[in-house]
Amino acid sequence: MKITDNTLFLEDIPVETLMQEYGSPLYVYEESVLRSQFRQLSSGFPEGLLEIHYAMKANSNPSLLKILCEEGSSIDAVSEFEVRLALESGFKPQQIIFTGNNNSLAEIEFCVENDVPVNLGSLASLEKYGERYPHTKVSVRINPGIGAGHHAHCITGGPDSKFGIYHDQIDSVLALANKYSLSLNGVHSHIGTGIFSAEPMLEAMEMILAVAEKFPDLEFVDFGGGFGIPYRPEQQALDMMDLSQKMTRYFTEFRQNYGRGLTMKIEPGKLLLGPVGILLTTVTNISDTPKHRFVGVDSGFNHLVRPTMYGSYHKILNASRNSGVEEDVVVVGYICESGDIFSRTDEKIKRRLTSPKIGERLAFLDAGAYGISMSSQYNLRPRPAEVLVHNGQSRLIRRAETFEDLTQCFVDFD
């Protein structure tokens, strides 16, 4: 992404050119950024120590998955359909970890039948698995008792979290493993998402490694994801090089004491995909009240729900005129809900932008993760197209939805 002649370019292609060809609104992903994000993360760890399992819930477009597969990524999947899509996108079964969350036995059976490793997060699931598949390998998700994240809805560890077997129930885990002759080959934890400090990650790592000592048959320890990216101007990027060195030291010492060449796994999502994607929109309306100037665009929280759901900040640019006279505006969408506000940041709703005009393009940055993957068809609004750009070329990787797409599942619709 760069600004040239006061307008936004993506991989050397003007935003206006992309939108004239593919329509508005539009998701655009920069291939070079995706490859760079993966390579930078990989470079912080010694070769052969780490497996990166991309959390594909962040964005499951097969074209992006195939790029990550080429780069050497593995996959963290949380549903049967994610597993199926990963397999069809070129990942081998052993490159995928299925981490269940209140899943049905049918999902587990699908994974086992397709040789995809299963990671279980409750004693009930472990017993159900043991009854169905005794004398097999399985890994377990442990709740280490602490959590962290940018929003309460994104904290996945601690006593208020539904995820994982609480760390004080390890004896029950081992008893079930013994009962069904299960080999517990992996231990997994995940404390939350949007973490910018190394301390909670390392604290959770210490706790899960202390738990891991109690499992005699481990082949890997999975420390989850949650690595934050600087959405807001005042945020400092997580120093992944420093964190990776500390994680390497902790894990190397554990391996030496454990007496086996274990593998370390992590599951980044937004760290890899967040900076890759941009949502492009068109200004369709401007209206004023005694308090606000509302700038309306041809998109809504049905395409990017994070500001409405979490109060999450996404930088907004006037992609047609990046610099000029500025004003404080409220950027809103076309969904029939008062909460459809793109410029929301916690309790604030105004954003300072180069004064938008009807017909100009606005860009919402860092939208590659949990953008299109959390989208909906609310208000019977179609999802936008997705485009991949690289070396001055663009290609469609998902077409925009049509009325026929939105109505095809209605049984009695003619």
Foldseek 3Di string as FASTA:
>chain_A
DDADPQFDDALNHTPVVVCVVAHPWEKEFELVLLLVLVVVLVVLADPPFEAEAAACLFPPQLVSLLSVVVSRHAHEAAFLVSLVSNVVSPHQQDSYEHEYQPDDVVSVVSSVVRVHAYEYAELVVLLVCLVVDFQEEHAYEEQLQAADADFPVFFQHHPVHSGHHYLVCLVSVVVSCVVRVYQHAEYEYEGGAQDQDLVVLVVSVVSSLVSVLVHLRYQEYESEERQHQPQDPPDDHRPSSVSSVVSNVVVVVSCVVSVHSHHYYYHYYLSSFQQGMKTKWFFADWDDDPVFIETETADWCLQPVCCLPGVDHWDKAQNVRRDDDKDKHWYAYDAPDPSGTRQGRPPDGIDIYHDDDGGTMMMTGSQRTRGRSVHDCPVNNWHAWYWYDHNHDIDTSGHIDDSCNSCVPPPPDD
